[in-house]
């Protein structure tokens, strides 16, 4: 009997014993943390980091938080978009 939503009896990436192995629950090496820092510095999205590090997005977020690595993009526009007097004077 096949259960709906169950990986039992399915073919493809969600089968019971997949041919690829995700590295969730595997300890982080210093090389992994270095690559995480490098990818975070390059404003790489967490989905792409997940593919490159072969770890779940949640594991990447939690490790980055524990290591003090910011995953927030650096090149965001500032919230205060009003032109101040000093910036207006510099433009002239």
PDB file of N, CA and C in Angstrom:
ATOM      1  N   UNK A   1       0.843  -1.182   0.000  1.00  0.00           N
ATOM      2  CA  UNK A   1       0.000   0.000   0.000  1.00  0.00           C
ATOM      3  C   UNK A   1       0.888   1.246   0.000  1.00  0.00           C
ATOM      4  N   UNK A   2       0.629   2.146  -0.910  1.00  0.00           N
ATOM      5  CA  UNK A   2       1.435   3.366  -1.027  1.00  0.00           C
ATOM      6  C   UNK A   2       0.750   4.513  -0.297  1.00  0.00           C
ATOM      7  N   UNK A   3       1.489   5.172   0.543  1.00  0.00           N
ATOM      8  CA  UNK A   3       0.940   6.304   1.297  1.00  0.00           C
ATOM      9  C   UNK A   3       1.144   7.582   0.497  1.00  0.00           C
ATOM     10  N   UNK A   4       0.163   8.483   0.480  1.00  0.00           N
ATOM     11  CA  UNK A   4       0.360   9.750  -0.234  1.00  0.00           C
ATOM     12  C   UNK A   4       1.382  10.626   0.483  1.00  0.00           C
ATOM     13  N   UNK A   5       2.314  11.177  -0.262  1.00  0.00           N
ATOM     14  CA  UNK A   5       3.332  12.043   0.330  1.00  0.00           C
ATOM     15  C   UNK A   5       4.493  11.306   0.952  1.00  0.00           C
ATOM     16  N   UNK A   6       4.493   9.997   0.892  1.00  0.00           N
ATOM     17  CA  UNK A   6       5.562   9.213   1.495  1.00  0.00           C
ATOM     18  C   UNK A   6       6.610   8.855   0.439  1.00  0.00           C
ATOM     19  N   UNK A   7       7.891   8.864   0.792  1.00  0.00           N
ATOM     20  CA  UNK A   7       8.928   8.512  -0.186  1.00  0.00           C
ATOM     21  C   UNK A   7       9.016   7.010  -0.465  1.00  0.00           C
ATOM     22  N   UNK A   8       8.256   6.196   0.259  1.00  0.00           N
ATOM     23  CA  UNK A   8       8.304   4.744   0.073  1.00  0.00           C
ATOM     24  C   UNK A   8       7.675   4.391  -1.270  1.00  0.00           C
ATOM     25  N   UNK A   9       8.400   3.691  -2.088  1.00  0.00           N
ATOM     26  CA  UNK A   9       7.897   3.260  -3.377  1.00  0.00           C
ATOM     27  C   UNK A   9       8.000   4.315  -4.464  1.00  0.00           C
ATOM     28  N   UNK A  10       8.679   5.410  -4.192  1.00  0.00           N
ATOM     29  CA  UNK A  10       8.821   6.463  -5.194  1.00  0.00           C
ATOM     30  C   UNK A  10      10.154   6.346  -5.894  1.00  0.00           C
ATOM     31  N   UNK A  11      10.230   6.952  -7.064  1.00  0.00           N
ATOM     32  CA  UNK A  11      11.479   7.030  -7.806  1.00  0.00           C
ATOM     33  C   UNK A  11      11.860   8.494  -7.920  1.00  0.00           C
ATOM     34  N   UNK A  12      13.123   8.768  -8.131  1.00  0.00           N
ATOM     35  CA  UNK A  12      13.572  10.146  -8.273  1.00  0.00           C
ATOM     36  C   UNK A  12      14.337  10.622  -7.060  1.00  0.00           C
ATOM     37  N   UNK A  13      14.479  11.932  -6.908  1.00  0.00           N
ATOM     38  CA  UNK A  13      15.331  12.462  -5.837  1.00  0.00           C
ATOM     39  C   UNK A  13      14.789  12.235  -4.427  1.00  0.00           C
ATOM     40  N   UNK A  14      13.464  11.972  -4.290  1.00  0.00           N
ATOM     41  CA  UNK A  14      12.910  11.774  -2.951  1.00  0.00           C
ATOM     42  C   UNK A  14      12.721  10.299  -2.612  1.00  0.00           C
ATOM     43  N   UNK A  15      13.453   9.416  -3.249  1.00  0.00           N
ATOM     44  CA  UNK A  15      13.305   7.994  -2.950  1.00  0.00           C
ATOM     45  C   UNK A  15      13.903   7.679  -1.584  1.00  0.00           C
ATOM     46  N   UNK A  16      13.667   6.490  -1.085  1.00  0.00           N
ATOM     47  CA  UNK A  16      14.046   6.143   0.277  1.00  0.00           C
ATOM     48  C   UNK A  16      15.544   6.228   0.516  1.00  0.00           C
ATOM     49  N   UNK A  17      16.340   5.657  -0.353  1.00  0.00           N
ATOM     50  CA  UNK A  17      17.791   5.725  -0.211  1.00  0.00           C
ATOM     51  C   UNK A  17      18.362   6.473  -1.414  1.00  0.00           C
ATOM     52  N   UNK A  18      18.449   7.798  -1.330  1.00  0.00           N
ATOM     53  CA  UNK A  18      18.933   8.547  -2.494  1.00  0.00           C
ATOM     54  C   UNK A  18      20.400   8.263  -2.775  1.00  0.00           C
ATOM     55  N   UNK A  19      20.776   8.410  -4.042  1.00  0.00           N
ATOM     56  CA  UNK A  19      22.160   8.134  -4.423  1.00  0.00           C
ATOM     57  C   UNK A  19      23.092   9.236  -3.928  1.00  0.00           C
ATOM     58  N   UNK A  20      22.570  10.460  -3.771  1.00  0.00           N
ATOM     59  CA  UNK A  20      23.396  11.534  -3.230  1.00  0.00           C
ATOM     60  C   UNK A  20      23.193  11.596  -1.731  1.00  0.00           C
ATOM     61  N   UNK A  21      24.154  12.129  -1.020  1.00  0.00           N
ATOM     62  CA  UNK A  21      24.061  12.208   0.428  1.00  0.00           C
ATOM     63  C   UNK A  21      24.196  13.662   0.854  1.00  0.00           C
ATOM     64  N   UNK A  22      23.160  14.203   1.456  1.00  0.00           N
ATOM     65  CA  UNK A  22      23.250  15.555   1.997  1.00  0.00           C
ATOM     66  C   UNK A  22      24.095  15.501   3.263  1.00  0.00           C
ATOM     67  N   UNK A  23      24.855  16.550   3.498  1.00  0.00           N
ATOM     68  CA  UNK A  23      25.772  16.538   4.627  1.00  0.00           C
ATOM     69  C   UNK A  23      25.170  17.160   5.869  1.00  0.00           C
ATOM     70  N   UNK A  24      23.864  16.996   6.064  1.00  0.00           N
ATOM     71  CA  UNK A  24      23.267  17.476   7.303  1.00  0.00           C
ATOM     72  C   UNK A  24      23.728  16.551   8.426  1.00  0.00           C
ATOM     73  N   UNK A  25      23.937  17.042   9.558  1.00  0.00           N
ATOM     74  CA  UNK A  25      24.426  16.316  10.745  1.00  0.00           C
ATOM     75  C   UNK A  25      25.904  15.942  10.664  1.00  0.00           C
ATOM     76  N   UNK A  26      26.585  16.298   9.590  1.00  0.00           N
ATOM     77  CA  UNK A  26      28.019  16.052   9.508  1.00  0.00           C
ATOM     78  C   UNK A  26      28.724  17.269  10.092  1.00  0.00           C
ATOM     79  N   UNK A  27      29.767  17.083  10.897  1.00  0.00           N
ATOM     80  CA  UNK A  27      30.427  18.251  11.502  1.00  0.00           C
ATOM     81  C   UNK A  27      31.050  19.174  10.457  1.00  0.00           C
ATOM     82  N   UNK A  28      31.057  20.474  10.785  1.00  0.00           N
ATOM     83  CA  UNK A  28      31.603  21.490   9.885  1.00  0.00           C
ATOM     84  C   UNK A  28      33.122  21.491   9.992  1.00  0.00           C
ATOM     85  N   UNK A  29      33.805  21.489   8.861  1.00  0.00           N
ATOM     86  CA  UNK A  29      35.263  21.601   8.857  1.00  0.00           C
ATOM     87  C   UNK A  29      35.644  23.079   8.757  1.00  0.00           C
ATOM     88  N   UNK A  30      36.903  23.388   9.004  1.00  0.00           N
ATOM     89  CA  UNK A  30      37.357  24.776   8.889  1.00  0.00           C
ATOM     90  C   UNK A  30      37.287  25.246   7.443  1.00  0.00           C
ATOM     91  N   UNK A  31      37.477  24.323   6.499  1.00  0.00           N
ATOM     92  CA  UNK A  31      37.359  24.678   5.080  1.00  0.00           C
ATOM     93  C   UNK A  31      35.912  25.035   4.733  1.00  0.00           C
ATOM     94  N   UNK A  32      34.943  24.307   5.322  1.00  0.00           N
ATOM     95  CA  UNK A  32      33.524  24.612   5.096  1.00  0.00           C
ATOM     96  C   UNK A  32      33.175  25.992   5.630  1.00  0.00           C
ATOM     97  N   UNK A  33      33.664  26.305   6.818  1.00  0.00           N
ATOM     98  CA  UNK A  33      33.378  27.610   7.422  1.00  0.00           C
ATOM     99  C   UNK A  33      34.044  28.720   6.605  1.00  0.00           C
ATOM    100  N   UNK A  34      35.243  28.464   6.103  1.00  0.00           N
ATOM    101  CA  UNK A  34      35.917  29.453   5.259  1.00  0.00           C
ATOM    102  C   UNK A  34      35.158  29.709   3.967  1.00  0.00           C
ATOM    103  N   UNK A  35      34.646  28.649   3.370  1.00  0.00           N
ATOM    104  CA  UNK A  35      33.842  28.804   2.151  1.00  0.00           C
ATOM    105  C   UNK A  35      32.542  29.539   2.453  1.00  0.00           C
ATOM    106  N   UNK A  36      31.950  29.261   3.619  1.00  0.00           N
ATOM    107  CA  UNK A  36      30.738  29.969   4.038  1.00  0.00           C
ATOM    108  C   UNK A  36      31.009  31.467   4.181  1.00  0.00           C
ATOM    109  N   UNK A  37      32.144  31.809   4.796  1.00  0.00           N
ATOM    110  CA  UNK A  37      32.521  33.232   4.925  1.00  0.00           C
ATOM    111  C   UNK A  37      32.715  33.879   3.554  1.00  0.00           C
ATOM    112  N   UNK A  38      33.379  33.185   2.665  1.00  0.00           N
ATOM    113  CA  UNK A  38      33.654  33.702   1.324  1.00  0.00           C
ATOM    114  C   UNK A  38      32.358  33.909   0.541  1.00  0.00           C
ATOM    115  N   UNK A  39      31.455  32.949   0.613  1.00  0.00           N
ATOM    116  CA  UNK A  39      30.178  33.064  -0.092  1.00  0.00           C
ATOM    117  C   UNK A  39      29.318  34.178   0.495  1.00  0.00           C
ATOM    118  N   UNK A  40      29.353  34.329   1.829  1.00  0.00           N
ATOM    119  CA  UNK A  40      28.566  35.388   2.471  1.00  0.00           C
ATOM    120  C   UNK A  40      29.115  36.763   2.107  1.00  0.00           C
ATOM    121  N   UNK A  41      30.431  36.871   1.991  1.00  0.00           N
ATOM    122  CA  UNK A  41      31.048  38.147   1.614  1.00  0.00           C
ATOM    123  C   UNK A  41      30.689  38.523   0.179  1.00  0.00           C
ATOM    124  N   UNK A  42      30.483  37.531  -0.672  1.00  0.00           N
ATOM    125  CA  UNK A  42      30.123  37.776  -2.062  1.00  0.00           C
ATOM    126  C   UNK A  42      28.630  37.926  -2.296  1.00  0.00           C
ATOM    127  N   UNK A  43      27.843  38.105  -1.226  1.00  0.00           N
ATOM    128  CA  UNK A  43      26.384  38.283  -1.305  1.00  0.00           C
ATOM    129  C   UNK A  43      25.685  37.122  -2.008  1.00  0.00           C
ATOM    130  N   UNK A  44      26.167  35.906  -1.804  1.00  0.00           N
ATOM    131  CA  UNK A  44      25.559  34.730  -2.426  1.00  0.00           C
ATOM    132  C   UNK A  44      24.260  34.385  -1.699  1.00  0.00           C
ATOM    133  N   UNK A  45      23.176  34.110  -2.427  1.00  0.00           N
ATOM    134  CA  UNK A  45      21.924  33.710  -1.773  1.00  0.00           C
ATOM    135  C   UNK A  45      22.082  32.386  -1.022  1.00  0.00           C
ATOM    136  N   UNK A  46      21.290  32.201   0.036  1.00  0.00           N
ATOM    137  CA  UNK A  46      21.423  30.999   0.863  1.00  0.00           C
ATOM    138  C   UNK A  46      21.065  29.732   0.090  1.00  0.00           C
ATOM    139  N   UNK A  47      20.197  29.834  -0.902  1.00  0.00           N
ATOM    140  CA  UNK A  47      19.868  28.661  -1.718  1.00  0.00           C
ATOM    141  C   UNK A  47      21.060  28.172  -2.513  1.00  0.00           C
ATOM    142  N   UNK A  48      21.825  29.114  -3.042  1.00  0.00           N
ATOM    143  CA  UNK A  48      23.035  28.754  -3.798  1.00  0.00           C
ATOM    144  C   UNK A  48      24.104  28.222  -2.843  1.00  0.00           C
ATOM    145  N   UNK A  49      24.209  28.836  -1.656  1.00  0.00           N
ATOM    146  CA  UNK A  49      25.153  28.337  -0.641  1.00  0.00           C
ATOM    147  C   UNK A  49      24.813  26.896  -0.277  1.00  0.00           C
ATOM    148  N   UNK A  50      23.523  26.605  -0.184  1.00  0.00           N
ATOM    149  CA  UNK A  50      23.068  25.266   0.156  1.00  0.00           C
ATOM    150  C   UNK A  50      23.546  24.244  -0.868  1.00  0.00           C
ATOM    151  N   UNK A  51      23.499  24.611  -2.130  1.00  0.00           N
ATOM    152  CA  UNK A  51      23.941  23.700  -3.187  1.00  0.00           C
ATOM    153  C   UNK A  51      25.457  23.533  -3.150  1.00  0.00           C
ATOM    154  N   UNK A  52      26.183  24.646  -2.978  1.00  0.00           N
ATOM    155  CA  UNK A  52      27.648  24.583  -3.000  1.00  0.00           C
ATOM    156  C   UNK A  52      28.214  23.858  -1.788  1.00  0.00           C
ATOM    157  N   UNK A  53      27.602  24.075  -0.606  1.00  0.00           N
ATOM    158  CA  UNK A  53      28.085  23.427   0.613  1.00  0.00           C
ATOM    159  C   UNK A  53      27.432  22.068   0.842  1.00  0.00           C
ATOM    160  N   UNK A  54      26.402  21.748   0.056  1.00  0.00           N
ATOM    161  CA  UNK A  54      25.641  20.513   0.181  1.00  0.00           C
ATOM    162  C   UNK A  54      25.092  20.326   1.591  1.00  0.00           C
ATOM    163  N   UNK A  55      24.491  21.398   2.095  1.00  0.00           N
ATOM    164  CA  UNK A  55      23.868  21.379   3.419  1.00  0.00           C
ATOM    165  C   UNK A  55      22.528  22.088   3.331  1.00  0.00           C
ATOM    166  N   UNK A  56      21.614  21.787   4.252  1.00  0.00           N
ATOM    167  CA  UNK A  56      20.318  22.471   4.230  1.00  0.00           C
ATOM    168  C   UNK A  56      20.460  23.963   4.524  1.00  0.00           C
ATOM    169  N   UNK A  57      19.510  24.744   4.031  1.00  0.00           N
ATOM    170  CA  UNK A  57      19.536  26.200   4.228  1.00  0.00           C
ATOM    171  C   UNK A  57      19.494  26.531   5.721  1.00  0.00           C
ATOM    172  N   UNK A  58      18.698  25.785   6.487  1.00  0.00           N
ATOM    173  CA  UNK A  58      18.597  26.032   7.931  1.00  0.00           C
ATOM    174  C   UNK A  58      19.934  25.817   8.629  1.00  0.00           C
ATOM    175  N   UNK A  59      20.701  24.817   8.194  1.00  0.00           N
ATOM    176  CA  UNK A  59      22.014  24.555   8.792  1.00  0.00           C
ATOM    177  C   UNK A  59      22.983  25.686   8.471  1.00  0.00           C
ATOM    178  N   UNK A  60      22.887  26.236   7.268  1.00  0.00           N
ATOM    179  CA  UNK A  60      23.760  27.345   6.874  1.00  0.00           C
ATOM    180  C   UNK A  60      23.436  28.585   7.688  1.00  0.00           C
ATOM    181  N   UNK A  61      22.149  28.870   7.843  1.00  0.00           N
ATOM    182  CA  UNK A  61      21.740  30.037   8.632  1.00  0.00           C
ATOM    183  C   UNK A  61      22.179  29.922  10.086  1.00  0.00           C
ATOM    184  N   UNK A  62      21.985  28.736  10.679  1.00  0.00           N
ATOM    185  CA  UNK A  62      22.338  28.583  12.090  1.00  0.00           C
ATOM    186  C   UNK A  62      23.853  28.629  12.302  1.00  0.00           C
ATOM    187  N   UNK A  63      24.619  28.039  11.391  1.00  0.00           N
ATOM    188  CA  UNK A  63      26.084  28.068  11.515  1.00  0.00           C
ATOM    189  C   UNK A  63      26.604  29.491  11.346  1.00  0.00           C
ATOM    190  N   UNK A  64      26.020  30.229  10.398  1.00  0.00           N
ATOM    191  CA  UNK A  64      26.436  31.617  10.186  1.00  0.00           C
ATOM    192  C   UNK A  64      26.147  32.455  11.430  1.00  0.00           C
ATOM    193  N   UNK A  65      25.015  32.200  12.065  1.00  0.00           N
ATOM    194  CA  UNK A  65      24.682  32.946  13.275  1.00  0.00           C
ATOM    195  C   UNK A  65      25.642  32.602  14.409  1.00  0.00           C
ATOM    196  N   UNK A  66      25.979  31.318  14.550  1.00  0.00           N
ATOM    197  CA  UNK A  66      26.909  30.900  15.605  1.00  0.00           C
ATOM    198  C   UNK A  66      28.308  31.455  15.387  1.00  0.00           C
ATOM    199  N   UNK A  67      28.725  31.561  14.123  1.00  0.00           N
ATOM    200  CA  UNK A  67      30.064  32.059  13.793  1.00  0.00           C
ATOM    201  C   UNK A  67      30.124  33.579  13.724  1.00  0.00           C
ATOM    202  N   UNK A  68      28.968  34.236  13.757  1.00  0.00           N
ATOM    203  CA  UNK A  68      28.936  35.698  13.662  1.00  0.00           C
ATOM    204  C   UNK A  68      29.093  36.200  12.237  1.00  0.00           C
ATOM    205  N   UNK A  69      28.669  35.388  11.254  1.00  0.00           N
ATOM    206  CA  UNK A  69      28.751  35.760   9.844  1.00  0.00           C
ATOM    207  C   UNK A  69      27.401  36.336   9.429  1.00  0.00           C
ATOM    208  N   UNK A  70      27.424  37.536   8.863  1.00  0.00           N
ATOM    209  CA  UNK A  70      26.188  38.163   8.423  1.00  0.00           C
ATOM    210  C   UNK A  70      25.833  37.681   7.020  1.00  0.00           C
ATOM    211  N   UNK A  71      24.603  37.229   6.852  1.00  0.00           N
ATOM    212  CA  UNK A  71      24.130  36.799   5.538  1.00  0.00           C
ATOM    213  C   UNK A  71      23.339  37.892   4.849  1.00  0.00           C
ATOM    214  N   UNK A  72      23.221  39.055   5.489  1.00  0.00           N
ATOM    215  CA  UNK A  72      22.492  40.169   4.907  1.00  0.00           C
ATOM    216  C   UNK A  72      23.324  40.794   3.792  1.00  0.00           C
ATOM    217  N   UNK A  73      22.722  41.082   2.642  1.00  0.00           N
ATOM    218  CA  UNK A  73      23.488  41.667   1.537  1.00  0.00           C
ATOM    219  C   UNK A  73      24.094  43.021   1.906  1.00  0.00           C
ATOM    220  N   UNK A  74      25.323  43.244   1.504  1.00  0.00           N
ATOM    221  CA  UNK A  74      26.046  44.471   1.836  1.00  0.00           C
ATOM    222  C   UNK A  74      25.579  45.623   0.965  1.00  0.00           C
ATOM    223  N   UNK A  75      25.203  45.345  -0.267  1.00  0.00           N
ATOM    224  CA  UNK A  75      24.918  46.407  -1.215  1.00  0.00           C
ATOM    225  C   UNK A  75      23.451  46.858  -1.204  1.00  0.00           C
ATOM    226  N   UNK A  76      22.786  46.782  -0.057  1.00  0.00           N
ATOM    227  CA  UNK A  76      21.410  47.235   0.033  1.00  0.00           C
ATOM    228  C   UNK A  76      21.357  48.753   0.058  1.00  0.00           C
ATOM    229  N   UNK A  77      20.304  49.307  -0.489  1.00  0.00           N
ATOM    230  CA  UNK A  77      20.147  50.757  -0.443  1.00  0.00           C
ATOM    231  C   UNK A  77      19.735  51.162   0.967  1.00  0.00           C
ATOM    232  N   UNK A  78      20.132  52.311   1.415  1.00  0.00           N
ATOM    233  CA  UNK A  78      19.803  52.729   2.788  1.00  0.00           C
ATOM    234  C   UNK A  78      18.309  52.967   2.942  1.00  0.00           C
ATOM    235  N   UNK A  79      17.804  52.808   4.167  1.00  0.00           N
ATOM    236  CA  UNK A  79      16.389  53.014   4.429  1.00  0.00           C
ATOM    237  C   UNK A  79      16.030  54.489   4.326  1.00  0.00           C
ATOM    238  N   UNK A  80      16.928  55.356   4.785  1.00  0.00           N
ATOM    239  CA  UNK A  80      16.666  56.790   4.758  1.00  0.00           C
ATOM    240  C   UNK A  80      17.139  57.330   3.416  1.00  0.00           C
ATOM    241  N   UNK A  81      16.221  57.535   2.497  1.00  0.00           N
ATOM    242  CA  UNK A  81      16.597  57.970   1.153  1.00  0.00           C
ATOM    243  C   UNK A  81      16.548  59.484   0.988  1.00  0.00           C
ATOM    244  N   UNK A  82      16.112  60.191   1.999  1.00  0.00           N
ATOM    245  CA  UNK A  82      16.048  61.641   1.878  1.00  0.00           C
ATOM    246  C   UNK A  82      17.453  62.227   1.789  1.00  0.00           C
ATOM    247  N   UNK A  83      17.602  63.240   0.992  1.00  0.00           N
ATOM    248  CA  UNK A  83      18.905  63.882   0.835  1.00  0.00           C
ATOM    249  C   UNK A  83      19.079  64.862   1.981  1.00  0.00           C
ATOM    250  N   UNK A  84      20.156  64.675   2.749  1.00  0.00           N
ATOM    251  CA  UNK A  84      20.433  65.602   3.841  1.00  0.00           C
ATOM    252  C   UNK A  84      21.158  66.826   3.293  1.00  0.00           C
ATOM    253  N   UNK A  85      21.267  67.845   4.115  1.00  0.00           N
ATOM    254  CA  UNK A  85      21.900  69.095   3.674  1.00  0.00           C
ATOM    255  C   UNK A  85      23.365  68.879   3.312  1.00  0.00           C
ATOM    256  N   UNK A  86      24.071  68.053   4.065  1.00  0.00           N
ATOM    257  CA  UNK A  86      25.500  67.837   3.781  1.00  0.00           C
ATOM    258  C   UNK A  86      25.698  67.071   2.472  1.00  0.00           C
ATOM    259  N   UNK A  87      24.841  66.105   2.205  1.00  0.00           N
ATOM    260  CA  UNK A  87      24.965  65.355   0.950  1.00  0.00           C
ATOM    261  C   UNK A  87      24.562  66.220  -0.248  1.00  0.00           C
ATOM    262  N   UNK A  88      23.577  67.110  -0.051  1.00  0.00           N
ATOM    263  CA  UNK A  88      23.160  67.986  -1.131  1.00  0.00           C
ATOM    264  C   UNK A  88      24.254  68.996  -1.463  1.00  0.00           C
ATOM    265  N   UNK A  89      24.994  69.440  -0.424  1.00  0.00           N
ATOM    266  CA  UNK A  89      26.082  70.391  -0.644  1.00  0.00           C
ATOM    267  C   UNK A  89      27.252  69.739  -1.371  1.00  0.00           C
ATOM    268  N   UNK A  90      27.504  68.458  -1.101  1.00  0.00           N
ATOM    269  CA  UNK A  90      28.598  67.740  -1.752  1.00  0.00           C
ATOM    270  C   UNK A  90      28.336  67.519  -3.232  1.00  0.00           C
ATOM    271  N   UNK A  91      27.079  67.412  -3.602  1.00  0.00           N
ATOM    272  CA  UNK A  91      26.730  67.172  -5.011  1.00  0.00           C
ATOM    273  C   UNK A  91      26.968  68.394  -5.867  1.00  0.00           C
ATOM    274  N   UNK A  92      26.906  69.576  -5.298  1.00  0.00           N
ATOM    275  CA  UNK A  92      27.052  70.812  -6.087  1.00  0.00           C
ATOM    276  C   UNK A  92      28.446  71.097  -6.474  1.00  0.00           C
TER     277      UNK A  92
END
